[in-house]
Amino acid sequence: MPRREQHTLLNALPLVRFTPHTPVDLEQIFAEYDETLTRGWAYSAGEYNLHSEVISAPIMLGSRPKGAISVVRISEKRIGRAALEAYVPALLQSTEEFSATLSFRLASAQDESN
């Protein structure tokens, strides 16, 4: 997504701090977004709920994200990013398969309508 579109979307929303870990600084948000794009998945710890850790990867339709699959762990004791990273290969495989299925179904539906 172009940076201009990112700015438009984020400026249209109130940036609310749910926990002390919630990013509300646009530069920090953009830096995390860029890192996520490079990696292909996101990590969050305590940003919305103090006791949550999350890894997420996008479901793509063409070159655009249309959703995400997330693995969420909620516990008062965090296991840390490294421990959750063990699940990243399965997460990425799941999102790739889901993206392929979604693309196939959309193409099939378009063929049927023609």
N, C-alpha and C. Protein backbone atom coordinates (compact mmCIF):
# COMPACT_ATOMS: atom_id res chain seq x y z
N MET A 1 0.86 -1.17 0.00
CA MET A 1 0.00 0.00 0.00
C MET A 1 0.90 1.23 0.00
N PRO A 2 0.65 2.15 -0.90
CA PRO A 2 1.46 3.37 -0.95
C PRO A 2 1.38 4.16 0.36
N ARG A 3 2.49 4.82 0.69
CA ARG A 3 2.57 5.58 1.95
C ARG A 3 1.46 6.62 2.04
N ARG A 4 1.12 7.24 0.93
CA ARG A 4 0.05 8.25 0.93
C ARG A 4 -1.27 7.63 1.39
N GLU A 5 -1.57 6.43 0.89
CA GLU A 5 -2.79 5.73 1.28
C GLU A 5 -2.74 5.34 2.76
N GLN A 6 -1.56 4.95 3.23
CA GLN A 6 -1.39 4.64 4.66
C GLN A 6 -1.70 5.87 5.51
N HIS A 7 -1.13 7.00 5.11
CA HIS A 7 -1.38 8.25 5.85
C HIS A 7 -2.87 8.58 5.87
N THR A 8 -3.52 8.45 4.72
CA THR A 8 -4.95 8.76 4.63
C THR A 8 -5.75 7.88 5.59
N LEU A 9 -5.47 6.57 5.58
CA LEU A 9 -6.19 5.65 6.46
C LEU A 9 -5.94 5.95 7.93
N LEU A 10 -4.68 6.14 8.30
CA LEU A 10 -4.36 6.36 9.71
C LEU A 10 -4.82 7.72 10.21
N ASN A 11 -4.78 8.72 9.36
CA ASN A 11 -5.24 10.04 9.79
C ASN A 11 -6.76 10.11 9.92
N ALA A 12 -7.47 9.15 9.32
CA ALA A 12 -8.93 9.12 9.43
C ALA A 12 -9.39 8.45 10.72
N LEU A 13 -8.46 7.81 11.41
CA LEU A 13 -8.80 7.08 12.64
C LEU A 13 -8.19 7.74 13.86
N PRO A 14 -8.88 7.69 14.98
CA PRO A 14 -8.23 8.16 16.21
C PRO A 14 -7.20 7.11 16.64
N LEU A 15 -5.99 7.54 16.95
CA LEU A 15 -4.97 6.61 17.44
C LEU A 15 -5.11 6.52 18.95
N VAL A 16 -5.70 5.44 19.41
CA VAL A 16 -6.04 5.26 20.82
C VAL A 16 -5.02 4.34 21.48
N ARG A 17 -4.53 4.74 22.63
CA ARG A 17 -3.58 3.92 23.38
C ARG A 17 -4.38 3.02 24.32
N PHE A 18 -4.46 1.71 23.98
CA PHE A 18 -5.18 0.74 24.81
C PHE A 18 -4.34 0.26 25.99
N THR A 19 -3.03 0.17 25.77
CA THR A 19 -2.10 -0.24 26.82
C THR A 19 -0.85 0.63 26.68
N PRO A 20 0.07 0.55 27.61
CA PRO A 20 1.32 1.30 27.46
C PRO A 20 2.13 0.86 26.23
N HIS A 21 1.80 -0.30 25.66
CA HIS A 21 2.54 -0.84 24.51
C HIS A 21 1.89 -0.51 23.17
N THR A 22 0.76 0.17 23.17
CA THR A 22 0.06 0.49 21.93
C THR A 22 0.80 1.62 21.20
N PRO A 23 1.24 1.37 19.96
CA PRO A 23 1.90 2.46 19.24
C PRO A 23 0.87 3.49 18.77
N VAL A 24 1.15 4.74 19.02
CA VAL A 24 0.27 5.82 18.55
C VAL A 24 1.06 6.87 17.76
N ASP A 25 2.37 6.69 17.68
CA ASP A 25 3.22 7.58 16.90
C ASP A 25 3.27 7.06 15.46
N LEU A 26 2.90 7.91 14.50
CA LEU A 26 2.83 7.47 13.11
C LEU A 26 4.16 6.95 12.59
N GLU A 27 5.25 7.57 12.96
CA GLU A 27 6.55 7.10 12.48
C GLU A 27 6.85 5.70 13.01
N GLN A 28 6.51 5.43 14.27
CA GLN A 28 6.70 4.09 14.83
C GLN A 28 5.79 3.08 14.11
N ILE A 29 4.56 3.48 13.86
CA ILE A 29 3.62 2.60 13.16
C ILE A 29 4.14 2.29 11.76
N PHE A 30 4.62 3.30 11.03
CA PHE A 30 5.13 3.07 9.69
C PHE A 30 6.39 2.21 9.71
N ALA A 31 7.25 2.40 10.71
CA ALA A 31 8.46 1.58 10.82
C ALA A 31 8.09 0.11 11.05
N GLU A 32 7.11 -0.13 11.93
CA GLU A 32 6.65 -1.50 12.18
C GLU A 32 6.00 -2.08 10.93
N TYR A 33 5.24 -1.27 10.21
CA TYR A 33 4.60 -1.72 8.97
C TYR A 33 5.65 -2.12 7.94
N ASP A 34 6.69 -1.29 7.78
CA ASP A 34 7.75 -1.60 6.82
C ASP A 34 8.48 -2.89 7.20
N GLU A 35 8.74 -3.07 8.48
CA GLU A 35 9.39 -4.30 8.96
C GLU A 35 8.50 -5.51 8.68
N THR A 36 7.21 -5.35 8.89
CA THR A 36 6.25 -6.43 8.63
C THR A 36 6.23 -6.78 7.14
N LEU A 37 6.25 -5.78 6.28
CA LEU A 37 6.28 -6.04 4.83
C LEU A 37 7.52 -6.83 4.44
N THR A 38 8.65 -6.45 5.00
CA THR A 38 9.90 -7.13 4.69
C THR A 38 9.87 -8.59 5.15
N ARG A 39 9.36 -8.82 6.35
CA ARG A 39 9.31 -10.16 6.94
C ARG A 39 8.19 -11.01 6.36
N GLY A 40 7.06 -10.37 6.07
CA GLY A 40 5.90 -11.10 5.59
C GLY A 40 4.92 -11.49 6.68
N TRP A 41 5.19 -11.10 7.90
CA TRP A 41 4.30 -11.39 9.03
C TRP A 41 4.55 -10.36 10.12
N ALA A 42 3.58 -10.25 11.04
CA ALA A 42 3.65 -9.24 12.10
C ALA A 42 3.69 -9.91 13.47
N TYR A 43 4.29 -9.21 14.42
CA TYR A 43 4.32 -9.64 15.81
C TYR A 43 3.82 -8.49 16.67
N SER A 44 3.02 -8.81 17.65
CA SER A 44 2.50 -7.81 18.58
C SER A 44 2.51 -8.41 19.98
N ALA A 45 2.89 -7.60 20.95
CA ALA A 45 2.89 -8.06 22.34
C ALA A 45 2.27 -6.97 23.21
N GLY A 46 1.09 -7.25 23.73
CA GLY A 46 0.46 -6.35 24.68
C GLY A 46 -0.01 -5.03 24.11
N GLU A 47 -0.22 -4.93 22.82
CA GLU A 47 -0.62 -3.66 22.23
C GLU A 47 -2.10 -3.36 22.43
N TYR A 48 -2.93 -4.39 22.44
CA TYR A 48 -4.36 -4.18 22.66
C TYR A 48 -4.78 -4.74 24.02
N ASN A 49 -4.21 -5.85 24.38
CA ASN A 49 -4.46 -6.51 25.66
C ASN A 49 -3.10 -6.79 26.27
N LEU A 50 -2.89 -6.38 27.50
CA LEU A 50 -1.58 -6.54 28.12
C LEU A 50 -1.08 -7.97 28.12
N HIS A 51 -1.98 -8.93 28.12
CA HIS A 51 -1.60 -10.33 28.26
C HIS A 51 -1.59 -11.08 26.93
N SER A 52 -1.60 -10.37 25.82
CA SER A 52 -1.65 -11.05 24.52
C SER A 52 -0.33 -10.93 23.77
N GLU A 53 -0.05 -11.99 23.04
CA GLU A 53 1.03 -12.01 22.06
C GLU A 53 0.43 -12.56 20.77
N VAL A 54 0.77 -11.95 19.66
CA VAL A 54 0.12 -12.31 18.40
C VAL A 54 1.15 -12.34 17.27
N ILE A 55 1.02 -13.35 16.41
CA ILE A 55 1.69 -13.31 15.11
C ILE A 55 0.59 -13.36 14.06
N SER A 56 0.75 -12.60 13.00
CA SER A 56 -0.27 -12.51 11.95
C SER A 56 0.41 -12.46 10.59
N ALA A 57 -0.31 -12.96 9.60
CA ALA A 57 0.16 -12.87 8.21
C ALA A 57 -1.04 -12.57 7.33
N PRO A 58 -0.82 -11.85 6.24
CA PRO A 58 -1.94 -11.43 5.39
C PRO A 58 -2.46 -12.53 4.48
N ILE A 59 -3.75 -12.44 4.20
CA ILE A 59 -4.39 -13.22 3.14
C ILE A 59 -4.45 -12.27 1.96
N MET A 60 -3.82 -12.66 0.87
CA MET A 60 -3.69 -11.77 -0.28
C MET A 60 -4.64 -12.16 -1.40
N LEU A 61 -5.13 -11.16 -2.09
CA LEU A 61 -5.86 -11.36 -3.33
C LEU A 61 -5.13 -10.49 -4.35
N GLY A 62 -4.36 -11.13 -5.20
CA GLY A 62 -3.46 -10.39 -6.07
C GLY A 62 -2.36 -9.78 -5.21
N SER A 63 -2.18 -8.48 -5.36
CA SER A 63 -1.14 -7.80 -4.58
C SER A 63 -1.70 -7.04 -3.38
N ARG A 64 -2.98 -7.26 -3.08
CA ARG A 64 -3.62 -6.51 -1.99
C ARG A 64 -4.01 -7.44 -0.85
N PRO A 65 -3.78 -7.02 0.38
CA PRO A 65 -4.25 -7.81 1.52
C PRO A 65 -5.76 -7.71 1.65
N LYS A 66 -6.41 -8.85 1.87
CA LYS A 66 -7.87 -8.88 2.01
C LYS A 66 -8.29 -9.39 3.38
N GLY A 67 -7.36 -9.80 4.19
CA GLY A 67 -7.66 -10.31 5.52
C GLY A 67 -6.36 -10.77 6.15
N ALA A 68 -6.47 -11.50 7.24
CA ALA A 68 -5.28 -12.02 7.91
C ALA A 68 -5.64 -13.25 8.72
N ILE A 69 -4.64 -14.07 8.95
CA ILE A 69 -4.76 -15.17 9.89
C ILE A 69 -3.80 -14.85 11.03
N SER A 70 -4.30 -14.98 12.25
CA SER A 70 -3.50 -14.66 13.42
C SER A 70 -3.45 -15.83 14.38
N VAL A 71 -2.33 -15.96 15.05
CA VAL A 71 -2.18 -16.90 16.15
C VAL A 71 -2.04 -16.03 17.39
N VAL A 72 -2.98 -16.19 18.32
CA VAL A 72 -3.02 -15.35 19.51
C VAL A 72 -2.76 -16.21 20.74
N ARG A 73 -1.89 -15.73 21.59
CA ARG A 73 -1.63 -16.38 22.87
C ARG A 73 -1.94 -15.37 23.96
N ILE A 74 -2.81 -15.76 24.88
CA ILE A 74 -3.15 -14.88 26.00
C ILE A 74 -2.75 -15.57 27.29
N SER A 75 -1.88 -14.91 28.02
CA SER A 75 -1.39 -15.44 29.29
C SER A 75 -0.74 -14.31 30.06
N GLU A 76 -0.76 -14.41 31.36
CA GLU A 76 -0.09 -13.39 32.16
C GLU A 76 1.42 -13.49 32.02
N LYS A 77 1.91 -14.65 31.59
CA LYS A 77 3.35 -14.83 31.40
C LYS A 77 3.63 -14.96 29.90
N ARG A 78 4.32 -14.00 29.35
CA ARG A 78 4.64 -14.03 27.93
C ARG A 78 5.71 -15.08 27.65
N ILE A 79 5.60 -15.69 26.47
CA ILE A 79 6.63 -16.65 26.07
C ILE A 79 7.67 -15.99 25.18
N GLY A 80 7.34 -14.84 24.63
CA GLY A 80 8.29 -14.08 23.83
C GLY A 80 8.21 -14.35 22.35
N ARG A 81 8.74 -13.40 21.63
CA ARG A 81 8.68 -13.44 20.17
C ARG A 81 9.36 -14.68 19.60
N ALA A 82 10.53 -15.03 20.13
CA ALA A 82 11.27 -16.17 19.59
C ALA A 82 10.45 -17.45 19.67
N ALA A 83 9.73 -17.66 20.77
CA ALA A 83 8.91 -18.86 20.91
C ALA A 83 7.76 -18.87 19.91
N LEU A 84 7.14 -17.72 19.70
CA LEU A 84 6.04 -17.65 18.72
C LEU A 84 6.54 -17.80 17.29
N GLU A 85 7.77 -17.40 17.04
CA GLU A 85 8.32 -17.51 15.69
C GLU A 85 8.37 -18.96 15.21
N ALA A 86 8.35 -19.91 16.13
CA ALA A 86 8.33 -21.33 15.74
C ALA A 86 7.07 -21.66 14.94
N TYR A 87 6.01 -20.87 15.12
CA TYR A 87 4.74 -21.11 14.42
C TYR A 87 4.64 -20.37 13.09
N VAL A 88 5.60 -19.52 12.79
CA VAL A 88 5.53 -18.70 11.57
C VAL A 88 5.48 -19.55 10.30
N PRO A 89 6.30 -20.59 10.13
CA PRO A 89 6.20 -21.37 8.89
C PRO A 89 4.79 -21.93 8.65
N ALA A 90 4.16 -22.46 9.68
CA ALA A 90 2.79 -22.99 9.53
C ALA A 90 1.81 -21.86 9.24
N LEU A 91 2.00 -20.72 9.88
CA LEU A 91 1.13 -19.56 9.64
C LEU A 91 1.24 -19.11 8.18
N LEU A 92 2.47 -18.98 7.68
CA LEU A 92 2.66 -18.53 6.30
C LEU A 92 2.12 -19.55 5.30
N GLN A 93 2.29 -20.83 5.59
CA GLN A 93 1.73 -21.85 4.70
C GLN A 93 0.21 -21.74 4.67
N SER A 94 -0.39 -21.51 5.83
CA SER A 94 -1.86 -21.38 5.90
C SER A 94 -2.35 -20.17 5.11
N THR A 95 -1.67 -19.04 5.26
CA THR A 95 -2.13 -17.85 4.54
C THR A 95 -1.91 -17.99 3.04
N GLU A 96 -0.82 -18.65 2.64
CA GLU A 96 -0.59 -18.87 1.21
C GLU A 96 -1.66 -19.77 0.62
N GLU A 97 -2.01 -20.84 1.34
CA GLU A 97 -3.06 -21.75 0.86
C GLU A 97 -4.42 -21.05 0.81
N PHE A 98 -4.72 -20.27 1.84
CA PHE A 98 -5.99 -19.55 1.87
C PHE A 98 -6.04 -18.53 0.74
N SER A 99 -4.94 -17.82 0.51
CA SER A 99 -4.89 -16.83 -0.58
C SER A 99 -5.11 -17.50 -1.93
N ALA A 100 -4.47 -18.66 -2.14
CA ALA A 100 -4.64 -19.38 -3.40
C ALA A 100 -6.08 -19.84 -3.58
N THR A 101 -6.68 -20.35 -2.51
CA THR A 101 -8.08 -20.79 -2.57
C THR A 101 -9.00 -19.62 -2.88
N LEU A 102 -8.78 -18.50 -2.22
CA LEU A 102 -9.60 -17.31 -2.45
C LEU A 102 -9.47 -16.84 -3.90
N SER A 103 -8.25 -16.80 -4.41
CA SER A 103 -8.02 -16.37 -5.80
C SER A 103 -8.70 -17.32 -6.77
N PHE A 104 -8.59 -18.63 -6.51
CA PHE A 104 -9.21 -19.63 -7.38
C PHE A 104 -10.72 -19.48 -7.38
N ARG A 105 -11.30 -19.33 -6.19
CA ARG A 105 -12.76 -19.21 -6.10
C ARG A 105 -13.25 -17.93 -6.78
N LEU A 106 -12.52 -16.85 -6.62
CA LEU A 106 -12.92 -15.60 -7.28
C LEU A 106 -12.84 -15.76 -8.80
N ALA A 107 -11.76 -16.38 -9.28
CA ALA A 107 -11.62 -16.59 -10.72
C ALA A 107 -12.73 -17.50 -11.24
N SER A 108 -13.07 -18.55 -10.49
CA SER A 108 -14.14 -19.46 -10.89
C SER A 108 -15.48 -18.75 -10.94
N ALA A 109 -15.74 -17.91 -9.95
CA ALA A 109 -17.00 -17.15 -9.91
C ALA A 109 -17.09 -16.19 -11.08
N GLN A 110 -15.97 -15.57 -11.44
CA GLN A 110 -15.97 -14.65 -12.58
C GLN A 110 -16.19 -15.41 -13.88
N ASP A 111 -15.59 -16.61 -14.00
CA ASP A 111 -15.80 -17.42 -15.20
C ASP A 111 -17.26 -17.82 -15.34
N GLU A 112 -17.89 -18.17 -14.23
CA GLU A 112 -19.29 -18.59 -14.26
C GLU A 112 -20.22 -17.45 -14.65
N SER A 113 -19.84 -16.22 -14.29
CA SER A 113 -20.71 -15.08 -14.60
C SER A 113 -20.56 -14.62 -16.05
N ASN A 114 -19.52 -15.11 -16.73
CA ASN A 114 -19.31 -14.71 -18.14
C ASN A 114 -20.00 -15.62 -19.08
